[in-house]
Amino acid sequence: MLLKVALLLSMMIQIGAAVIAIGLIRRTRYNVSWILISAGFVLMALRRLFDFSTLFWENHLFSGADVNSWMGILISLLMFIGVIFIRQIFNLQQRIDELRKVSEMRVLSAVIEGEERARQNFARDLHDGLGPLLSSIKMTASAIDTTKLDEANRRIVERTCQTSDDAIVSLKEISNHLSPHLLKNYGLTKALETFAAGLMEGTSIEFVMDSEIREKRYSYKIEITLYRIVSELLNNSLKHADPGRITLKIQEEGGKLSLSYQDDGIGYDPKELATEPDSDKMGLDNIGSRIKSLNGEMDIHSLPGEGFNLTLQIPVK
């Protein structure tokens, strides 16, 4: 009796599995592998139905053992062929994932390149448009004969000249930040050293840079991306971390350019950063997008009281 109940439950389960498998054929767009596997489920259900029927009557036209054996062989054959076709689907899915990854990288690269072109155009417009106007104002103010003016007007002219000088300096700084001329002319190491020196001026922070690439040049896309990343990291450290020491190491090994950035500041909890709506997580997301656009990899480690450490690698060959 127990065997009959077990066979009945097994038969019902097999029939249910076969019905579900057949129902999914349309959703798989009549995929050959799923049709074969569904056929295997149907035969398994029929086989279980045949086993259940032998408990009540004996068929004298053919041997039950032969039927079970042939059905088992056919089921195995259908499942084997179906699995082969499924492997092809997995291989196709893998190629699709690779193409999607390449496509995402190209889109990110195009967005970042468009952003850099806009920065360069804006910097050029500032330098070529506003720069001459400020210089003209300074020249005009400097041409005034201050000996013929009273003390109050002389101070106004002097302040005008000084303000013009300050505006020209600020304009150059803004233009250089938008499109760093040192990066174009002297390379990544010199540009980062100069940027860090200007940023750390007036602070007690010790900045140590160890660059093994020195005068070596890379494509402008790689150099400007790393320049933007380090600039973002330095600004974040000064704004939030309160560090006493910042170290930066750049080296090339095995066809990959590696960068390691570390500060000994207050650190942060990544889980808390992810849940805070007004956090600087967007800055790290932007860094991640820039690295991804170069098909690179990034690893970040930080905990409260343990500072911040970021390492990245990008292929250069």
C-alpha atoms as a PDB file:
ATOM      1  CA  MET A   1       0.000   0.000   0.000  1.00  0.00           C
ATOM      2  CA  LEU A   2       2.843   2.366   0.896  1.00  0.00           C
ATOM      3  CA  LEU A   3       4.498   1.664  -2.447  1.00  0.00           C
ATOM      4  CA  LYS A   4       1.276   2.542  -4.314  1.00  0.00           C
ATOM      5  CA  VAL A   5       0.953   5.850  -2.456  1.00  0.00           C
ATOM      6  CA  ALA A   6       4.606   6.682  -3.131  1.00  0.00           C
ATOM      7  CA  LEU A   7       4.253   5.856  -6.831  1.00  0.00           C
ATOM      8  CA  LEU A   8       1.052   7.915  -7.049  1.00  0.00           C
ATOM      9  CA  LEU A   9       2.754  10.962  -5.517  1.00  0.00           C
ATOM     10  CA  SER A  10       5.790  10.497  -7.736  1.00  0.00           C
ATOM     11  CA  MET A  11       3.550  10.217 -10.808  1.00  0.00           C
ATOM     12  CA  MET A  12       1.678  13.396  -9.899  1.00  0.00           C
ATOM     13  CA  ILE A  13       4.947  15.269  -9.360  1.00  0.00           C
ATOM     14  CA  GLN A  14       6.313  14.070 -12.707  1.00  0.00           C
ATOM     15  CA  ILE A  15       3.137  15.050 -14.513  1.00  0.00           C
ATOM     16  CA  GLY A  16       3.200  18.483 -12.838  1.00  0.00           C
ATOM     17  CA  ALA A  17       6.839  18.975 -13.866  1.00  0.00           C
ATOM     18  CA  ALA A  18       6.006  17.978 -17.450  1.00  0.00           C
ATOM     19  CA  VAL A  19       3.069  20.403 -17.595  1.00  0.00           C
ATOM     20  CA  ILE A  20       5.215  23.260 -16.263  1.00  0.00           C
ATOM     21  CA  ALA A  21       8.031  22.435 -18.697  1.00  0.00           C
ATOM     22  CA  ILE A  22       5.639  22.404 -21.657  1.00  0.00           C
ATOM     23  CA  GLY A  23       4.119  25.680 -20.494  1.00  0.00           C
ATOM     24  CA  LEU A  24       7.557  27.318 -20.561  1.00  0.00           C
ATOM     25  CA  ILE A  25       8.307  26.324 -24.153  1.00  0.00           C
ATOM     26  CA  ARG A  26       6.635  29.431 -25.543  1.00  0.00           C
ATOM     27  CA  ARG A  27       8.461  31.694 -23.115  1.00  0.00           C
ATOM     28  CA  THR A  28      11.769  30.223 -24.291  1.00  0.00           C
ATOM     29  CA  ARG A  29      10.725  31.115 -27.857  1.00  0.00           C
ATOM     30  CA  TYR A  30      10.560  27.433 -28.771  1.00  0.00           C
ATOM     31  CA  ASN A  31      14.168  26.816 -27.934  1.00  0.00           C
ATOM     32  CA  VAL A  32      15.300  23.391 -29.135  1.00  0.00           C
ATOM     33  CA  SER A  33      17.061  22.498 -25.897  1.00  0.00           C
ATOM     34  CA  TRP A  34      13.998  23.248 -23.774  1.00  0.00           C
ATOM     35  CA  ILE A  35      11.720  21.323 -26.163  1.00  0.00           C
ATOM     36  CA  LEU A  36      13.976  18.275 -25.812  1.00  0.00           C
ATOM     37  CA  ILE A  37      14.124  18.598 -22.034  1.00  0.00           C
ATOM     38  CA  SER A  38      10.321  19.022 -21.903  1.00  0.00           C
ATOM     39  CA  ALA A  39       9.952  15.869 -23.982  1.00  0.00           C
ATOM     40  CA  GLY A  40      12.192  14.119 -21.461  1.00  0.00           C
ATOM     41  CA  PHE A  41       9.922  15.263 -18.611  1.00  0.00           C
ATOM     42  CA  VAL A  42       6.875  13.982 -20.513  1.00  0.00           C
ATOM     43  CA  LEU A  43       8.493  10.567 -21.019  1.00  0.00           C
ATOM     44  CA  MET A  44       9.468  10.469 -17.344  1.00  0.00           C
ATOM     45  CA  ALA A  45       5.835  11.134 -16.426  1.00  0.00           C
ATOM     46  CA  LEU A  46       4.669   8.411 -18.821  1.00  0.00           C
ATOM     47  CA  ARG A  47       7.218   6.034 -17.384  1.00  0.00           C
ATOM     48  CA  ARG A  48       6.005   6.695 -13.871  1.00  0.00           C
ATOM     49  CA  LEU A  49       2.395   6.263 -15.070  1.00  0.00           C
ATOM     50  CA  PHE A  50       3.344   2.916 -16.583  1.00  0.00           C
ATOM     51  CA  ASP A  51       5.008   1.809 -13.317  1.00  0.00           C
ATOM     52  CA  PHE A  52       1.881   2.780 -11.422  1.00  0.00           C
ATOM     53  CA  SER A  53      -0.400   0.896 -13.843  1.00  0.00           C
ATOM     54  CA  THR A  54       1.567  -2.369 -13.429  1.00  0.00           C
ATOM     55  CA  LEU A  55       0.482  -2.493  -9.815  1.00  0.00           C
ATOM     56  CA  PHE A  56      -3.117  -3.093 -10.905  1.00  0.00           C
ATOM     57  CA  TRP A  57      -2.869  -5.149 -14.068  1.00  0.00           C
ATOM     58  CA  GLU A  58      -0.205  -6.946 -16.084  1.00  0.00           C
ATOM     59  CA  ASN A  59       0.192  -6.170 -19.781  1.00  0.00           C
ATOM     60  CA  HIS A  60       0.849  -9.373 -21.742  1.00  0.00           C
ATOM     61  CA  LEU A  61       1.647  -7.628 -25.054  1.00  0.00           C
ATOM     62  CA  PHE A  62       5.095  -6.421 -23.987  1.00  0.00           C
ATOM     63  CA  SER A  63       7.430  -6.743 -21.040  1.00  0.00           C
ATOM     64  CA  GLY A  64       7.322  -4.010 -18.436  1.00  0.00           C
ATOM     65  CA  ALA A  65      11.084  -4.241 -17.969  1.00  0.00           C
ATOM     66  CA  ASP A  66      11.660  -3.693 -21.703  1.00  0.00           C
ATOM     67  CA  VAL A  67       9.364  -0.658 -21.733  1.00  0.00           C
ATOM     68  CA  ASN A  68      11.140   0.857 -18.738  1.00  0.00           C
ATOM     69  CA  SER A  69      14.541   0.213 -20.287  1.00  0.00           C
ATOM     70  CA  TRP A  70      13.687   1.752 -23.678  1.00  0.00           C
ATOM     71  CA  MET A  71      11.974   4.731 -22.100  1.00  0.00           C
ATOM     72  CA  GLY A  72      14.987   5.247 -19.829  1.00  0.00           C
ATOM     73  CA  ILE A  73      17.311   5.161 -22.854  1.00  0.00           C
ATOM     74  CA  LEU A  74      15.145   7.648 -24.745  1.00  0.00           C
ATOM     75  CA  ILE A  75      14.922   9.964 -21.729  1.00  0.00           C
ATOM     76  CA  SER A  76      18.702   9.873 -21.296  1.00  0.00           C
ATOM     77  CA  LEU A  77      19.202  10.627 -24.997  1.00  0.00           C
ATOM     78  CA  LEU A  78      16.783  13.582 -24.962  1.00  0.00           C
ATOM     79  CA  MET A  79      18.314  15.012 -21.798  1.00  0.00           C
ATOM     80  CA  PHE A  80      21.853  14.615 -23.151  1.00  0.00           C
ATOM     81  CA  ILE A  81      21.055  16.395 -26.408  1.00  0.00           C
ATOM     82  CA  GLY A  82      19.143  19.092 -24.524  1.00  0.00           C
ATOM     83  CA  VAL A  83      22.098  19.723 -22.207  1.00  0.00           C
ATOM     84  CA  ILE A  84      24.408  20.062 -25.224  1.00  0.00           C
ATOM     85  CA  PHE A  85      22.129  22.736 -26.667  1.00  0.00           C
ATOM     86  CA  ILE A  86      21.937  24.455 -23.263  1.00  0.00           C
ATOM     87  CA  ARG A  87      25.738  24.675 -23.211  1.00  0.00           C
ATOM     88  CA  GLN A  88      25.535  26.552 -26.484  1.00  0.00           C
ATOM     89  CA  ILE A  89      23.013  28.927 -24.887  1.00  0.00           C
ATOM     90  CA  PHE A  90      25.351  29.535 -21.949  1.00  0.00           C
ATOM     91  CA  ASN A  91      28.231  30.200 -24.345  1.00  0.00           C
ATOM     92  CA  LEU A  92      26.029  32.649 -26.235  1.00  0.00           C
ATOM     93  CA  GLN A  93      25.002  34.303 -22.975  1.00  0.00           C
ATOM     94  CA  GLN A  94      28.659  34.656 -22.028  1.00  0.00           C
ATOM     95  CA  ARG A  95      29.422  36.345 -25.365  1.00  0.00           C
ATOM     96  CA  ILE A  96      26.426  38.655 -24.858  1.00  0.00           C
ATOM     97  CA  ASP A  97      27.698  39.589 -21.373  1.00  0.00           C
ATOM     98  CA  GLU A  98      31.146  40.326 -22.803  1.00  0.00           C
ATOM     99  CA  LEU A  99      29.634  42.494 -25.536  1.00  0.00           C
ATOM    100  CA  ARG A 100      27.501  44.297 -22.939  1.00  0.00           C
ATOM    101  CA  LYS A 101      30.594  44.960 -20.838  1.00  0.00           C
ATOM    102  CA  VAL A 102      32.461  46.353 -23.846  1.00  0.00           C
ATOM    103  CA  SER A 103      29.433  48.440 -24.795  1.00  0.00           C
ATOM    104  CA  GLU A 104      29.133  49.875 -21.272  1.00  0.00           C
ATOM    105  CA  MET A 105      32.836  50.681 -21.267  1.00  0.00           C
ATOM    106  CA  ARG A 106      32.519  52.467 -24.612  1.00  0.00           C
ATOM    107  CA  VAL A 107      29.516  54.466 -23.421  1.00  0.00           C
ATOM    108  CA  LEU A 108      31.321  55.519 -20.235  1.00  0.00           C
ATOM    109  CA  SER A 109      34.409  56.369 -22.250  1.00  0.00           C
ATOM    110  CA  ALA A 110      32.366  58.461 -24.682  1.00  0.00           C
ATOM    111  CA  VAL A 111      30.664  60.329 -21.825  1.00  0.00           C
ATOM    112  CA  ILE A 112      33.964  61.081 -20.098  1.00  0.00           C
ATOM    113  CA  GLU A 113      35.628  62.115 -23.362  1.00  0.00           C
ATOM    114  CA  GLY A 114      32.687  64.418 -24.084  1.00  0.00           C
ATOM    115  CA  GLU A 115      33.047  65.922 -20.620  1.00  0.00           C
ATOM    116  CA  GLU A 116      36.761  66.526 -21.182  1.00  0.00           C
ATOM    117  CA  ARG A 117      36.126  68.154 -24.563  1.00  0.00           C
ATOM    118  CA  ALA A 118      33.570  70.461 -22.944  1.00  0.00           C
ATOM    119  CA  ARG A 119      36.099  71.346 -20.220  1.00  0.00           C
ATOM    120  CA  GLN A 120      38.762  72.102 -22.835  1.00  0.00           C
ATOM    121  CA  ASN A 121      36.401  74.264 -24.881  1.00  0.00           C
ATOM    122  CA  PHE A 122      35.304  76.167 -21.786  1.00  0.00           C
ATOM    123  CA  ALA A 123      38.909  76.659 -20.665  1.00  0.00           C
ATOM    124  CA  ARG A 124      39.879  77.937 -24.102  1.00  0.00           C
ATOM    125  CA  ASP A 125      36.934  80.338 -24.176  1.00  0.00           C
ATOM    126  CA  LEU A 126      37.868  81.677 -20.745  1.00  0.00           C
ATOM    127  CA  HIS A 127      41.513  82.086 -21.655  1.00  0.00           C
ATOM    128  CA  ASP A 128      40.962  83.583 -25.117  1.00  0.00           C
ATOM    129  CA  GLY A 129      37.859  85.617 -24.285  1.00  0.00           C
ATOM    130  CA  LEU A 130      37.908  86.803 -20.704  1.00  0.00           C
ATOM    131  CA  GLY A 131      41.685  86.857 -20.298  1.00  0.00           C
ATOM    132  CA  PRO A 132      42.363  89.659 -22.816  1.00  0.00           C
ATOM    133  CA  LEU A 133      39.513  91.727 -21.359  1.00  0.00           C
ATOM    134  CA  LEU A 134      40.986  91.553 -17.851  1.00  0.00           C
ATOM    135  CA  SER A 135      44.441  92.369 -19.198  1.00  0.00           C
ATOM    136  CA  SER A 136      42.983  95.357 -21.043  1.00  0.00           C
ATOM    137  CA  ILE A 137      41.316  96.598 -17.851  1.00  0.00           C
ATOM    138  CA  LYS A 138      44.624  96.324 -15.983  1.00  0.00           C
ATOM    139  CA  MET A 139      46.525  98.143 -18.720  1.00  0.00           C
ATOM    140  CA  THR A 140      43.946 100.937 -18.802  1.00  0.00           C
ATOM    141  CA  ALA A 141      44.009 101.360 -15.030  1.00  0.00           C
ATOM    142  CA  SER A 142      47.815 101.245 -14.969  1.00  0.00           C
ATOM    143  CA  ALA A 143      47.969 104.028 -17.579  1.00  0.00           C
ATOM    144  CA  ILE A 144      46.281 106.484 -15.240  1.00  0.00           C
ATOM    145  CA  ASP A 145      48.656 109.124 -13.899  1.00  0.00           C
ATOM    146  CA  THR A 146      48.166 108.665 -10.162  1.00  0.00           C
ATOM    147  CA  THR A 147      50.263 111.777  -9.396  1.00  0.00           C
ATOM    148  CA  LYS A 148      47.404 113.938 -10.610  1.00  0.00           C
ATOM    149  CA  LEU A 149      44.862 112.201  -8.375  1.00  0.00           C
ATOM    150  CA  ASP A 150      44.024 112.772  -4.774  1.00  0.00           C
ATOM    151  CA  GLU A 151      44.746 110.093  -2.185  1.00  0.00           C
ATOM    152  CA  ALA A 152      41.287 108.501  -2.327  1.00  0.00           C
ATOM    153  CA  ASN A 153      41.217 108.129  -6.114  1.00  0.00           C
ATOM    154  CA  ARG A 154      44.813 106.879  -6.144  1.00  0.00           C
ATOM    155  CA  ARG A 155      43.862 104.061  -3.762  1.00  0.00           C
ATOM    156  CA  ILE A 156      40.901 103.201  -5.995  1.00  0.00           C
ATOM    157  CA  VAL A 157      43.179 102.880  -9.023  1.00  0.00           C
ATOM    158  CA  GLU A 158      45.685 100.773  -7.061  1.00  0.00           C
ATOM    159  CA  ARG A 159      42.927  98.469  -5.827  1.00  0.00           C
ATOM    160  CA  THR A 160      41.614  98.189  -9.384  1.00  0.00           C
ATOM    161  CA  CYS A 161      45.036  97.106 -10.638  1.00  0.00           C
ATOM    162  CA  GLN A 162      45.445  94.631  -7.780  1.00  0.00           C
ATOM    163  CA  THR A 163      41.956  93.212  -8.319  1.00  0.00           C
ATOM    164  CA  SER A 164      42.715  92.820 -12.030  1.00  0.00           C
ATOM    165  CA  ASP A 165      45.884  90.899 -11.171  1.00  0.00           C
ATOM    166  CA  ASP A 166      43.977  88.648  -8.777  1.00  0.00           C
ATOM    167  CA  ALA A 167      41.263  88.047 -11.386  1.00  0.00           C
ATOM    168  CA  ILE A 168      43.854  87.109 -14.035  1.00  0.00           C
ATOM    169  CA  VAL A 169      45.542  84.680 -11.623  1.00  0.00           C
ATOM    170  CA  SER A 170      42.180  83.108 -10.686  1.00  0.00           C
ATOM    171  CA  LEU A 171      41.264  82.822 -14.347  1.00  0.00           C
ATOM    172  CA  LYS A 172      44.507  80.989 -15.074  1.00  0.00           C
ATOM    173  CA  GLU A 173      43.889  78.630 -12.155  1.00  0.00           C
ATOM    174  CA  ILE A 174      40.338  77.872 -13.286  1.00  0.00           C
ATOM    175  CA  SER A 175      41.456  77.383 -16.882  1.00  0.00           C
ATOM    176  CA  ASN A 176      44.289  75.113 -15.781  1.00  0.00           C
ATOM    177  CA  HIS A 177      41.952  73.031 -13.628  1.00  0.00           C
ATOM    178  CA  LEU A 178      39.542  72.605 -16.506  1.00  0.00           C
ATOM    179  CA  SER A 179      42.305  71.691 -18.946  1.00  0.00           C
ATOM    180  CA  PRO A 180      45.645  71.239 -17.134  1.00  0.00           C
ATOM    181  CA  HIS A 181      48.423  72.484 -19.413  1.00  0.00           C
ATOM    182  CA  LEU A 182      51.092  70.839 -17.239  1.00  0.00           C
ATOM    183  CA  LEU A 183      49.524  67.468 -17.957  1.00  0.00           C
ATOM    184  CA  LYS A 184      49.675  68.067 -21.684  1.00  0.00           C
ATOM    185  CA  ASN A 185      53.197  69.458 -21.668  1.00  0.00           C
ATOM    186  CA  TYR A 186      55.004  67.526 -18.944  1.00  0.00           C
ATOM    187  CA  GLY A 187      52.999  64.432 -18.130  1.00  0.00           C
ATOM    188  CA  LEU A 188      51.117  62.892 -15.231  1.00  0.00           C
ATOM    189  CA  THR A 189      53.810  62.974 -12.535  1.00  0.00           C
ATOM    190  CA  LYS A 190      54.621  66.671 -12.877  1.00  0.00           C
ATOM    191  CA  ALA A 191      50.947  67.654 -13.119  1.00  0.00           C
ATOM    192  CA  LEU A 192      50.032  65.751  -9.948  1.00  0.00           C
ATOM    193  CA  GLU A 193      53.020  67.095  -8.007  1.00  0.00           C
ATOM    194  CA  THR A 194      52.094  70.650  -8.948  1.00  0.00           C
ATOM    195  CA  PHE A 195      48.409  70.174  -8.173  1.00  0.00           C
ATOM    196  CA  ALA A 196      49.117  68.577  -4.792  1.00  0.00           C
ATOM    197  CA  ALA A 197      51.642  71.276  -3.867  1.00  0.00           C
ATOM    198  CA  GLY A 198      49.110  74.006  -4.589  1.00  0.00           C
ATOM    199  CA  LEU A 199      46.374  72.198  -2.704  1.00  0.00           C
ATOM    200  CA  MET A 200      48.525  71.453   0.362  1.00  0.00           C
ATOM    201  CA  GLU A 201      49.908  74.976   0.578  1.00  0.00           C
ATOM    202  CA  GLY A 202      49.085  76.477   3.946  1.00  0.00           C
ATOM    203  CA  THR A 203      48.305  73.102   5.546  1.00  0.00           C
ATOM    204  CA  SER A 204      50.368  70.844   7.806  1.00  0.00           C
ATOM    205  CA  ILE A 205      49.609  67.750   5.731  1.00  0.00           C
ATOM    206  CA  GLU A 206      52.611  65.755   4.557  1.00  0.00           C
ATOM    207  CA  PHE A 207      52.223  64.613   0.949  1.00  0.00           C
ATOM    208  CA  VAL A 208      54.549  61.873  -0.302  1.00  0.00           C
ATOM    209  CA  MET A 209      54.495  60.859  -3.950  1.00  0.00           C
ATOM    210  CA  ASP A 210      56.448  57.903  -5.302  1.00  0.00           C
ATOM    211  CA  SER A 211      56.142  57.747  -9.069  1.00  0.00           C
ATOM    212  CA  GLU A 212      58.145  55.123 -10.932  1.00  0.00           C
ATOM    213  CA  ILE A 213      56.916  56.302 -14.331  1.00  0.00           C
ATOM    214  CA  ARG A 214      58.435  59.816 -14.025  1.00  0.00           C
ATOM    215  CA  GLU A 215      58.808  61.210 -17.559  1.00  0.00           C
ATOM    216  CA  LYS A 216      56.985  58.346 -19.288  1.00  0.00           C
ATOM    217  CA  ARG A 217      53.937  59.416 -21.262  1.00  0.00           C
ATOM    218  CA  TYR A 218      50.661  57.610 -21.894  1.00  0.00           C
ATOM    219  CA  SER A 219      47.615  58.416 -23.956  1.00  0.00           C
ATOM    220  CA  TYR A 220      45.905  61.644 -22.928  1.00  0.00           C
ATOM    221  CA  LYS A 221      42.805  59.645 -22.049  1.00  0.00           C
ATOM    222  CA  ILE A 222      44.704  57.609 -19.448  1.00  0.00           C
ATOM    223  CA  GLU A 223      46.601  60.583 -18.070  1.00  0.00           C
ATOM    224  CA  ILE A 224      43.602  62.896 -17.723  1.00  0.00           C
ATOM    225  CA  THR A 225      41.523  60.108 -16.137  1.00  0.00           C
ATOM    226  CA  LEU A 226      44.164  59.406 -13.480  1.00  0.00           C
ATOM    227  CA  TYR A 227      44.639  63.142 -12.950  1.00  0.00           C
ATOM    228  CA  ARG A 228      40.914  63.605 -12.301  1.00  0.00           C
ATOM    229  CA  ILE A 229      40.827  60.579  -9.980  1.00  0.00           C
ATOM    230  CA  VAL A 230      43.740  61.753  -7.841  1.00  0.00           C
ATOM    231  CA  SER A 231      42.376  65.309  -7.776  1.00  0.00           C
ATOM    232  CA  GLU A 232      39.053  64.002  -6.480  1.00  0.00           C
ATOM    233  CA  LEU A 233      40.787  61.854  -3.859  1.00  0.00           C
ATOM    234  CA  LEU A 234      42.969  64.717  -2.617  1.00  0.00           C
ATOM    235  CA  ASN A 235      40.012  67.068  -2.343  1.00  0.00           C
ATOM    236  CA  ASN A 236      38.009  64.417  -0.466  1.00  0.00           C
ATOM    237  CA  SER A 237      40.861  63.839   1.989  1.00  0.00           C
ATOM    238  CA  LEU A 238      41.269  67.532   2.741  1.00  0.00           C
ATOM    239  CA  LYS A 239      37.531  68.096   3.017  1.00  0.00           C
ATOM    240  CA  HIS A 240      36.514  65.090   5.129  1.00  0.00           C
ATOM    241  CA  ALA A 241      39.420  62.970   6.393  1.00  0.00           C
ATOM    242  CA  ASP A 242      41.565  65.448   8.390  1.00  0.00           C
ATOM    243  CA  PRO A 243      44.754  63.504   7.522  1.00  0.00           C
ATOM    244  CA  GLY A 244      48.292  64.149   8.679  1.00  0.00           C
ATOM    245  CA  ARG A 245      49.909  62.261   5.823  1.00  0.00           C
ATOM    246  CA  ILE A 246      48.891  61.317   2.287  1.00  0.00           C
ATOM    247  CA  THR A 247      50.889  58.903   0.150  1.00  0.00           C
ATOM    248  CA  LEU A 248      50.568  58.270  -3.566  1.00  0.00           C
ATOM    249  CA  LYS A 249      52.409  55.583  -5.497  1.00  0.00           C
ATOM    250  CA  ILE A 250      52.294  55.045  -9.264  1.00  0.00           C
ATOM    251  CA  GLN A 251      54.042  52.243 -11.105  1.00  0.00           C
ATOM    252  CA  GLU A 252      53.776  50.157 -14.263  1.00  0.00           C
ATOM    253  CA  GLU A 253      54.199  46.406 -14.172  1.00  0.00           C
ATOM    254  CA  GLY A 254      53.094  43.603 -16.465  1.00  0.00           C
ATOM    255  CA  GLY A 255      51.336  45.869 -18.938  1.00  0.00           C
ATOM    256  CA  LYS A 256      49.244  47.489 -16.202  1.00  0.00           C
ATOM    257  CA  LEU A 257      49.484  50.914 -14.613  1.00  0.00           C
ATOM    258  CA  SER A 258      48.938  50.703 -10.863  1.00  0.00           C
ATOM    259  CA  LEU A 259      48.046  53.535  -8.520  1.00  0.00           C
ATOM    260  CA  SER A 260      47.873  53.346  -4.745  1.00  0.00           C
ATOM    261  CA  TYR A 261      46.420  56.214  -2.698  1.00  0.00           C
ATOM    262  CA  GLN A 262      46.361  56.256   1.096  1.00  0.00           C
ATOM    263  CA  ASP A 263      45.617  58.778   3.837  1.00  0.00           C
ATOM    264  CA  ASP A 264      45.781  58.343   7.610  1.00  0.00           C
ATOM    265  CA  GLY A 265      42.603  60.305   8.255  1.00  0.00           C
ATOM    266  CA  ILE A 266      39.469  59.450  10.182  1.00  0.00           C
ATOM    267  CA  GLY A 267      38.238  56.899   7.639  1.00  0.00           C
ATOM    268  CA  TYR A 268      34.597  55.940   7.242  1.00  0.00           C
ATOM    269  CA  ASP A 269      32.174  53.039   7.395  1.00  0.00           C
ATOM    270  CA  PRO A 270      31.241  51.948   3.824  1.00  0.00           C
ATOM    271  CA  LYS A 271      27.824  50.742   5.022  1.00  0.00           C
ATOM    272  CA  GLU A 272      26.981  54.100   6.557  1.00  0.00           C
ATOM    273  CA  LEU A 273      28.241  55.924   3.464  1.00  0.00           C
ATOM    274  CA  ALA A 274      25.905  53.887   1.264  1.00  0.00           C
ATOM    275  CA  THR A 275      22.858  54.812   3.359  1.00  0.00           C
ATOM    276  CA  GLU A 276      23.566  58.525   3.809  1.00  0.00           C
ATOM    277  CA  PRO A 277      21.753  60.570   1.140  1.00  0.00           C
ATOM    278  CA  ASP A 278      24.077  63.582   1.461  1.00  0.00           C
ATOM    279  CA  SER A 279      27.311  61.595   1.508  1.00  0.00           C
ATOM    280  CA  ASP A 280      30.190  61.839  -0.940  1.00  0.00           C
ATOM    281  CA  LYS A 281      29.468  58.412  -2.339  1.00  0.00           C
ATOM    282  CA  MET A 282      28.821  60.080  -5.695  1.00  0.00           C
ATOM    283  CA  GLY A 283      32.495  61.068  -5.826  1.00  0.00           C
ATOM    284  CA  LEU A 284      33.564  57.451  -5.382  1.00  0.00           C
ATOM    285  CA  ASP A 285      30.981  56.401  -7.975  1.00  0.00           C
ATOM    286  CA  ASN A 286      32.481  58.882 -10.430  1.00  0.00           C
ATOM    287  CA  ILE A 287      35.936  57.488  -9.730  1.00  0.00           C
ATOM    288  CA  GLY A 288      34.620  53.973 -10.310  1.00  0.00           C
ATOM    289  CA  SER A 289      33.044  55.032 -13.612  1.00  0.00           C
ATOM    290  CA  ARG A 290      36.301  56.581 -14.799  1.00  0.00           C
ATOM    291  CA  ILE A 291      38.247  53.434 -13.943  1.00  0.00           C
ATOM    292  CA  LYS A 292      35.620  51.264 -15.615  1.00  0.00           C
ATOM    293  CA  SER A 293      35.861  53.355 -18.790  1.00  0.00           C
ATOM    294  CA  LEU A 294      39.513  52.261 -19.039  1.00  0.00           C
ATOM    295  CA  ASN A 295      38.640  48.602 -18.360  1.00  0.00           C
ATOM    296  CA  GLY A 296      40.392  48.899 -15.017  1.00  0.00           C
ATOM    297  CA  GLU A 297      39.834  47.486 -11.541  1.00  0.00           C
ATOM    298  CA  MET A 298      39.511  49.274  -8.204  1.00  0.00           C
ATOM    299  CA  ASP A 299      39.681  48.195  -4.584  1.00  0.00           C
ATOM    300  CA  ILE A 300      38.790  50.445  -1.626  1.00  0.00           C
ATOM    301  CA  HIS A 301      39.418  49.779   2.038  1.00  0.00           C
ATOM    302  CA  SER A 302      38.390  52.094   4.860  1.00  0.00           C
ATOM    303  CA  LEU A 303      37.166  51.811   8.412  1.00  0.00           C
ATOM    304  CA  PRO A 304      36.559  54.442  11.098  1.00  0.00           C
ATOM    305  CA  GLY A 305      39.910  55.415  12.577  1.00  0.00           C
ATOM    306  CA  GLU A 306      41.899  53.427   9.993  1.00  0.00           C
ATOM    307  CA  GLY A 307      42.179  55.966   7.196  1.00  0.00           C
ATOM    308  CA  PHE A 308      41.415  55.424   3.541  1.00  0.00           C
ATOM    309  CA  ASN A 309      43.168  53.243   0.989  1.00  0.00           C
ATOM    310  CA  LEU A 310      42.416  52.932  -2.729  1.00  0.00           C
ATOM    311  CA  THR A 311      44.271  50.831  -5.268  1.00  0.00           C
ATOM    312  CA  LEU A 312      43.559  50.623  -8.956  1.00  0.00           C
ATOM    313  CA  GLN A 313      44.947  48.951 -12.034  1.00  0.00           C
ATOM    314  CA  ILE A 314      44.367  49.807 -15.673  1.00  0.00           C
ATOM    315  CA  PRO A 315      45.765  48.068 -18.754  1.00  0.00           C
ATOM    316  CA  VAL A 316      48.150  50.200 -20.814  1.00  0.00           C
ATOM    317  CA  LYS A 317      49.215  47.652 -23.437  1.00  0.00           C
END
